[in-house]
Amino acid sequence: DPDQRASDYPHQLSGGMRQRVVIAMALMMR
């Protein structure tokens, strides 16, 4: 559910999901 999760704040996510967010940020520009 990425559309919903994009509107969440970091504290609303689990540790594994937060790490996936950080990976998404890192790979945004390929």
ModelCIF file with pLDDT and N, C-alpha, C, O atoms, coordinates in Angstrom:
data_MODEL
#
_entry.id   MODEL 
#
_entity.id                         1 
_entity.type                       polymer 
_entity.pdbx_number_of_molecules   1 
#
_entity_poly.entity_id                      1 
_entity_poly.type                           'polypeptide(L)' 
_entity_poly.nstd_linkage                   no 
_entity_poly.nstd_monomer                   no 
_entity_poly.pdbx_seq_one_letter_code       DPDQRASDYPHQLSGGMRQRVVIAMALMMR 
_entity_poly.pdbx_seq_one_letter_code_can   DPDQRASDYPHQLSGGMRQRVVIAMALMMR 
_entity_poly.pdbx_strand_id                 A 
#
loop_
_entity_poly_seq.entity_id 
_entity_poly_seq.num 
_entity_poly_seq.mon_id 
_entity_poly_seq.hetero 
1 1  ASP n 
1 2  PRO n 
1 3  ASP n 
1 4  GLN n 
1 5  ARG n 
1 6  ALA n 
1 7  SER n 
1 8  ASP n 
1 9  TYR n 
1 10 PRO n 
1 11 HIS n 
1 12 GLN n 
1 13 LEU n 
1 14 SER n 
1 15 GLY n 
1 16 GLY n 
1 17 MET n 
1 18 ARG n 
1 19 GLN n 
1 20 ARG n 
1 21 VAL n 
1 22 VAL n 
1 23 ILE n 
1 24 ALA n 
1 25 MET n 
1 26 ALA n 
1 27 LEU n 
1 28 MET n 
1 29 MET n 
1 30 ARG n 
#
_struct_asym.id          A 
_struct_asym.entity_id   1 
#
loop_
_ma_qa_metric.id 
_ma_qa_metric.mode 
_ma_qa_metric.name 
_ma_qa_metric.software_group_id 
_ma_qa_metric.type 
1 global pLDDT . pLDDT 
2 local  pLDDT . pLDDT 
#
_ma_qa_metric_global.metric_id      1 
_ma_qa_metric_global.metric_value   94.40 
_ma_qa_metric_global.model_id       1 
_ma_qa_metric_global.ordinal_id     1 
#
loop_
_ma_qa_metric_local.label_asym_id 
_ma_qa_metric_local.label_comp_id 
_ma_qa_metric_local.label_seq_id 
_ma_qa_metric_local.metric_id 
_ma_qa_metric_local.metric_value 
_ma_qa_metric_local.model_id 
_ma_qa_metric_local.ordinal_id 
A ASP 1  2 95.00 1 1  
A PRO 2  2 95.00 1 2  
A ASP 3  2 95.00 1 3  
A GLN 4  2 95.00 1 4  
A ARG 5  2 96.00 1 5  
A ALA 6  2 97.00 1 6  
A SER 7  2 97.00 1 7  
A ASP 8  2 97.00 1 8  
A TYR 9  2 96.00 1 9  
A PRO 10 2 95.00 1 10 
A HIS 11 2 94.00 1 11 
A GLN 12 2 95.00 1 12 
A LEU 13 2 94.00 1 13 
A SER 14 2 91.00 1 14 
A GLY 15 2 89.00 1 15 
A GLY 16 2 91.00 1 16 
A MET 17 2 93.00 1 17 
A ARG 18 2 93.00 1 18 
A GLN 19 2 92.00 1 19 
A ARG 20 2 94.00 1 20 
A VAL 21 2 95.00 1 21 
A VAL 22 2 94.00 1 22 
A ILE 23 2 95.00 1 23 
A ALA 24 2 95.00 1 24 
A MET 25 2 95.00 1 25 
A ALA 26 2 94.00 1 26 
A LEU 27 2 95.00 1 27 
A MET 28 2 95.00 1 28 
A MET 29 2 95.00 1 29 
A ARG 30 2 95.00 1 30 
#
loop_
_atom_site.group_PDB 
_atom_site.id 
_atom_site.type_symbol 
_atom_site.label_atom_id 
_atom_site.label_alt_id 
_atom_site.label_comp_id 
_atom_site.label_asym_id 
_atom_site.label_entity_id 
_atom_site.label_seq_id 
_atom_site.pdbx_PDB_ins_code 
_atom_site.Cartn_x 
_atom_site.Cartn_y 
_atom_site.Cartn_z 
_atom_site.occupancy 
_atom_site.B_iso_or_equiv 
_atom_site.pdbx_formal_charge 
_atom_site.auth_seq_id 
_atom_site.auth_comp_id 
_atom_site.auth_asym_id 
_atom_site.auth_atom_id 
_atom_site.pdbx_PDB_model_num 
ATOM 1   N N  . ASP A 1 1  ? 0.827  -1.208 0.000   1.00 95.00 ? 1  ASP A N  1 
ATOM 2   C CA . ASP A 1 1  ? 0.000  0.000  0.000   1.00 95.00 ? 1  ASP A CA 1 
ATOM 3   C C  . ASP A 1 1  ? 0.866  1.265  0.000   1.00 95.00 ? 1  ASP A C  1 
ATOM 4   O O  . ASP A 1 1  ? 0.742  2.091  0.904   1.00 95.00 ? 1  ASP A O  1 
ATOM 5   N N  . PRO A 1 2  ? 1.734  1.427  -0.995  1.00 95.00 ? 2  PRO A N  1 
ATOM 6   C CA . PRO A 1 2  ? 2.686  2.549  -0.995  1.00 95.00 ? 2  PRO A CA 1 
ATOM 7   C C  . PRO A 1 2  ? 2.017  3.919  -1.012  1.00 95.00 ? 2  PRO A C  1 
ATOM 8   O O  . PRO A 1 2  ? 2.575  4.869  -0.464  1.00 95.00 ? 2  PRO A O  1 
ATOM 9   N N  . ASP A 1 3  ? 0.828  4.052  -1.628  1.00 95.00 ? 3  ASP A N  1 
ATOM 10  C CA . ASP A 1 3  ? 0.146  5.349  -1.646  1.00 95.00 ? 3  ASP A CA 1 
ATOM 11  C C  . ASP A 1 3  ? -0.180 5.817  -0.229  1.00 95.00 ? 3  ASP A C  1 
ATOM 12  O O  . ASP A 1 3  ? -0.016 6.991  0.103   1.00 95.00 ? 3  ASP A O  1 
ATOM 13  N N  . GLN A 1 4  ? -0.645 4.879  0.602   1.00 95.00 ? 4  GLN A N  1 
ATOM 14  C CA . GLN A 1 4  ? -0.975 5.213  1.981   1.00 95.00 ? 4  GLN A CA 1 
ATOM 15  C C  . GLN A 1 4  ? 0.283  5.427  2.814   1.00 95.00 ? 4  GLN A C  1 
ATOM 16  O O  . GLN A 1 4  ? 0.372  6.382  3.585   1.00 95.00 ? 4  GLN A O  1 
ATOM 17  N N  . ARG A 1 5  ? 1.248  4.540  2.653   1.00 96.00 ? 5  ARG A N  1 
ATOM 18  C CA . ARG A 1 5  ? 2.461  4.614  3.461   1.00 96.00 ? 5  ARG A CA 1 
ATOM 19  C C  . ARG A 1 5  ? 3.269  5.880  3.176   1.00 96.00 ? 5  ARG A C  1 
ATOM 20  O O  . ARG A 1 5  ? 3.964  6.379  4.061   1.00 96.00 ? 5  ARG A O  1 
ATOM 21  N N  . ALA A 1 6  ? 3.188  6.394  1.974   1.00 97.00 ? 6  ALA A N  1 
ATOM 22  C CA . ALA A 1 6  ? 3.921  7.618  1.640   1.00 97.00 ? 6  ALA A CA 1 
ATOM 23  C C  . ALA A 1 6  ? 3.475  8.782  2.517   1.00 97.00 ? 6  ALA A C  1 
ATOM 24  O O  . ALA A 1 6  ? 4.242  9.717  2.749   1.00 97.00 ? 6  ALA A O  1 
ATOM 25  N N  . SER A 1 7  ? 2.249  8.730  3.000   1.00 97.00 ? 7  SER A N  1 
ATOM 26  C CA . SER A 1 7  ? 1.733  9.802  3.853   1.00 97.00 ? 7  SER A CA 1 
ATOM 27  C C  . SER A 1 7  ? 1.991  9.564  5.337   1.00 97.00 ? 7  SER A C  1 
ATOM 28  O O  . SER A 1 7  ? 1.606  10.383 6.172   1.00 97.00 ? 7  SER A O  1 
ATOM 29  N N  . ASP A 1 8  ? 2.642  8.445  5.672   1.00 97.00 ? 8  ASP A N  1 
ATOM 30  C CA . ASP A 1 8  ? 2.941  8.137  7.067   1.00 97.00 ? 8  ASP A CA 1 
ATOM 31  C C  . ASP A 1 8  ? 4.217  8.839  7.513   1.00 97.00 ? 8  ASP A C  1 
ATOM 32  O O  . ASP A 1 8  ? 5.058  9.219  6.697   1.00 97.00 ? 8  ASP A O  1 
ATOM 33  N N  . TYR A 1 9  ? 4.339  9.000  8.813   1.00 96.00 ? 9  TYR A N  1 
ATOM 34  C CA . TYR A 1 9  ? 5.564  9.532  9.423   1.00 96.00 ? 9  TYR A CA 1 
ATOM 35  C C  . TYR A 1 9  ? 6.443  8.366  9.863   1.00 96.00 ? 9  TYR A C  1 
ATOM 36  O O  . TYR A 1 9  ? 5.939  7.263  10.073  1.00 96.00 ? 9  TYR A O  1 
ATOM 37  N N  . PRO A 1 10 ? 7.746  8.590  10.007  1.00 95.00 ? 10 PRO A N  1 
ATOM 38  C CA . PRO A 1 10 ? 8.646  7.474  10.341  1.00 95.00 ? 10 PRO A CA 1 
ATOM 39  C C  . PRO A 1 10 ? 8.215  6.666  11.562  1.00 95.00 ? 10 PRO A C  1 
ATOM 40  O O  . PRO A 1 10 ? 8.357  5.443  11.570  1.00 95.00 ? 10 PRO A O  1 
ATOM 41  N N  . HIS A 1 11 ? 7.690  7.328  12.593  1.00 94.00 ? 11 HIS A N  1 
ATOM 42  C CA . HIS A 1 11 ? 7.335  6.596  13.814  1.00 94.00 ? 11 HIS A CA 1 
ATOM 43  C C  . HIS A 1 11 ? 6.153  5.655  13.611  1.00 94.00 ? 11 HIS A C  1 
ATOM 44  O O  . HIS A 1 11 ? 5.901  4.788  14.448  1.00 94.00 ? 11 HIS A O  1 
ATOM 45  N N  . GLN A 1 12 ? 5.430  5.818  12.508  1.00 95.00 ? 12 GLN A N  1 
ATOM 46  C CA . GLN A 1 12 ? 4.283  4.957  12.236  1.00 95.00 ? 12 GLN A CA 1 
ATOM 47  C C  . GLN A 1 12 ? 4.680  3.657  11.534  1.00 95.00 ? 12 GLN A C  1 
ATOM 48  O O  . GLN A 1 12 ? 3.841  2.783  11.316  1.00 95.00 ? 12 GLN A O  1 
ATOM 49  N N  . LEU A 1 13 ? 5.950  3.535  11.185  1.00 94.00 ? 13 LEU A N  1 
ATOM 50  C CA . LEU A 1 13 ? 6.430  2.359  10.462  1.00 94.00 ? 13 LEU A CA 1 
ATOM 51  C C  . LEU A 1 13 ? 7.272  1.475  11.366  1.00 94.00 ? 13 LEU A C  1 
ATOM 52  O O  . LEU A 1 13 ? 7.860  1.945  12.340  1.00 94.00 ? 13 LEU A O  1 
ATOM 53  N N  . SER A 1 14 ? 7.325  0.197  11.035  1.00 91.00 ? 14 SER A N  1 
ATOM 54  C CA . SER A 1 14 ? 8.188  -0.736 11.762  1.00 91.00 ? 14 SER A CA 1 
ATOM 55  C C  . SER A 1 14 ? 9.648  -0.488 11.378  1.00 91.00 ? 14 SER A C  1 
ATOM 56  O O  . SER A 1 14 ? 9.937  0.234  10.424  1.00 91.00 ? 14 SER A O  1 
ATOM 57  N N  . GLY A 1 15 ? 10.563 -1.098 12.135  1.00 89.00 ? 15 GLY A N  1 
ATOM 58  C CA . GLY A 1 15 ? 11.983 -0.920 11.839  1.00 89.00 ? 15 GLY A CA 1 
ATOM 59  C C  . GLY A 1 15 ? 12.358 -1.392 10.455  1.00 89.00 ? 15 GLY A C  1 
ATOM 60  O O  . GLY A 1 15 ? 13.126 -0.727 9.760   1.00 89.00 ? 15 GLY A O  1 
ATOM 61  N N  . GLY A 1 16 ? 11.821 -2.543 10.040  1.00 91.00 ? 16 GLY A N  1 
ATOM 62  C CA . GLY A 1 16 ? 12.110 -3.047 8.704   1.00 91.00 ? 16 GLY A CA 1 
ATOM 63  C C  . GLY A 1 16 ? 11.568 -2.151 7.608   1.00 91.00 ? 16 GLY A C  1 
ATOM 64  O O  . GLY A 1 16 ? 12.220 -1.956 6.582   1.00 91.00 ? 16 GLY A O  1 
ATOM 65  N N  . MET A 1 17 ? 10.369 -1.600 7.821   1.00 93.00 ? 17 MET A N  1 
ATOM 66  C CA . MET A 1 17 ? 9.787  -0.690 6.825   1.00 93.00 ? 17 MET A CA 1 
ATOM 67  C C  . MET A 1 17 ? 10.579 0.608  6.748   1.00 93.00 ? 17 MET A C  1 
ATOM 68  O O  . MET A 1 17 ? 10.784 1.145  5.659   1.00 93.00 ? 17 MET A O  1 
ATOM 69  N N  . ARG A 1 18 ? 11.028 1.117  7.894   1.00 93.00 ? 18 ARG A N  1 
ATOM 70  C CA . ARG A 1 18 ? 11.844 2.336  7.867   1.00 93.00 ? 18 ARG A CA 1 
ATOM 71  C C  . ARG A 1 18 ? 13.141 2.106  7.099   1.00 93.00 ? 18 ARG A C  1 
ATOM 72  O O  . ARG A 1 18 ? 13.594 2.985  6.365   1.00 93.00 ? 18 ARG A O  1 
ATOM 73  N N  . GLN A 1 19 ? 13.736 0.932  7.265   1.00 92.00 ? 19 GLN A N  1 
ATOM 74  C CA . GLN A 1 19 ? 14.969 0.659  6.516   1.00 92.00 ? 19 GLN A CA 1 
ATOM 75  C C  . GLN A 1 19 ? 14.692 0.572  5.030   1.00 92.00 ? 19 GLN A C  1 
ATOM 76  O O  . GLN A 1 19 ? 15.535 0.972  4.228   1.00 92.00 ? 19 GLN A O  1 
ATOM 77  N N  . ARG A 1 20 ? 13.534 0.061  4.640   1.00 94.00 ? 20 ARG A N  1 
ATOM 78  C CA . ARG A 1 20 ? 13.157 0.036  3.225   1.00 94.00 ? 20 ARG A CA 1 
ATOM 79  C C  . ARG A 1 20 ? 12.960 1.458  2.690   1.00 94.00 ? 20 ARG A C  1 
ATOM 80  O O  . ARG A 1 20 ? 13.284 1.742  1.537   1.00 94.00 ? 20 ARG A O  1 
ATOM 81  N N  . VAL A 1 21 ? 12.433 2.339  3.525   1.00 95.00 ? 21 VAL A N  1 
ATOM 82  C CA . VAL A 1 21 ? 12.284 3.738  3.129   1.00 95.00 ? 21 VAL A CA 1 
ATOM 83  C C  . VAL A 1 21 ? 13.653 4.369  2.866   1.00 95.00 ? 21 VAL A C  1 
ATOM 84  O O  . VAL A 1 21 ? 13.842 5.079  1.878   1.00 95.00 ? 21 VAL A O  1 
ATOM 85  N N  . VAL A 1 22 ? 14.608 4.100  3.768   1.00 94.00 ? 22 VAL A N  1 
ATOM 86  C CA . VAL A 1 22 ? 15.955 4.645  3.592   1.00 94.00 ? 22 VAL A CA 1 
ATOM 87  C C  . VAL A 1 22 ? 16.580 4.105  2.306   1.00 94.00 ? 22 VAL A C  1 
ATOM 88  O O  . VAL A 1 22 ? 17.267 4.839  1.596   1.00 94.00 ? 22 VAL A O  1 
ATOM 89  N N  . ILE A 1 23 ? 16.350 2.839  2.005   1.00 95.00 ? 23 ILE A N  1 
ATOM 90  C CA . ILE A 1 23 ? 16.866 2.262  0.761   1.00 95.00 ? 23 ILE A CA 1 
ATOM 91  C C  . ILE A 1 23 ? 16.196 2.921  -0.440  1.00 95.00 ? 23 ILE A C  1 
ATOM 92  O O  . ILE A 1 23 ? 16.850 3.189  -1.447  1.00 95.00 ? 23 ILE A O  1 
ATOM 93  N N  . ALA A 1 24 ? 14.894 3.183  -0.337  1.00 95.00 ? 24 ALA A N  1 
ATOM 94  C CA . ALA A 1 24 ? 14.191 3.877  -1.426  1.00 95.00 ? 24 ALA A CA 1 
ATOM 95  C C  . ALA A 1 24 ? 14.786 5.257  -1.672  1.00 95.00 ? 24 ALA A C  1 
ATOM 96  O O  . ALA A 1 24 ? 14.959 5.659  -2.822  1.00 95.00 ? 24 ALA A O  1 
ATOM 97  N N  . MET A 1 25 ? 15.104 5.989  -0.598  1.00 95.00 ? 25 MET A N  1 
ATOM 98  C CA . MET A 1 25 ? 15.739 7.301  -0.743  1.00 95.00 ? 25 MET A CA 1 
ATOM 99  C C  . MET A 1 25 ? 17.095 7.174  -1.421  1.00 95.00 ? 25 MET A C  1 
ATOM 100 O O  . MET A 1 25 ? 17.442 7.970  -2.294  1.00 95.00 ? 25 MET A O  1 
ATOM 101 N N  . ALA A 1 26 ? 17.863 6.157  -1.007  1.00 94.00 ? 26 ALA A N  1 
ATOM 102 C CA . ALA A 1 26 ? 19.207 5.979  -1.545  1.00 94.00 ? 26 ALA A CA 1 
ATOM 103 C C  . ALA A 1 26 ? 19.191 5.660  -3.040  1.00 94.00 ? 26 ALA A C  1 
ATOM 104 O O  . ALA A 1 26 ? 20.093 6.061  -3.775  1.00 94.00 ? 26 ALA A O  1 
ATOM 105 N N  . LEU A 1 27 ? 18.164 4.941  -3.484  1.00 95.00 ? 27 LEU A N  1 
ATOM 106 C CA . LEU A 1 27 ? 18.125 4.493  -4.882  1.00 95.00 ? 27 LEU A CA 1 
ATOM 107 C C  . LEU A 1 27 ? 17.281 5.394  -5.783  1.00 95.00 ? 27 LEU A C  1 
ATOM 108 O O  . LEU A 1 27 ? 17.125 5.105  -6.969  1.00 95.00 ? 27 LEU A O  1 
ATOM 109 N N  . MET A 1 28 ? 16.747 6.463  -5.244  1.00 95.00 ? 28 MET A N  1 
ATOM 110 C CA . MET A 1 28 ? 15.854 7.339  -6.013  1.00 95.00 ? 28 MET A CA 1 
ATOM 111 C C  . MET A 1 28 ? 16.500 7.819  -7.309  1.00 95.00 ? 28 MET A C  1 
ATOM 112 O O  . MET A 1 28 ? 15.832 7.882  -8.341  1.00 95.00 ? 28 MET A O  1 
ATOM 113 N N  . MET A 1 29 ? 17.787 8.159  -7.271  1.00 95.00 ? 29 MET A N  1 
ATOM 114 C CA . MET A 1 29 ? 18.463 8.708  -8.436  1.00 95.00 ? 29 MET A CA 1 
ATOM 115 C C  . MET A 1 29 ? 19.257 7.651  -9.203  1.00 95.00 ? 29 MET A C  1 
ATOM 116 O O  . MET A 1 29 ? 20.062 7.990  -10.070 1.00 95.00 ? 29 MET A O  1 
ATOM 117 N N  . ARG A 1 30 ? 19.038 6.381  -8.891  1.00 95.00 ? 30 ARG A N  1 
ATOM 118 C CA . ARG A 1 30 ? 19.763 5.282  -9.541  1.00 95.00 ? 30 ARG A CA 1 
ATOM 119 C C  . ARG A 1 30 ? 21.273 5.509  -9.462  1.00 95.00 ? 30 ARG A C  1 
ATOM 120 O O  . ARG A 1 30 ? 22.048 4.690  -9.955  1.00 95.00 ? 30 ARG A O  1 
#
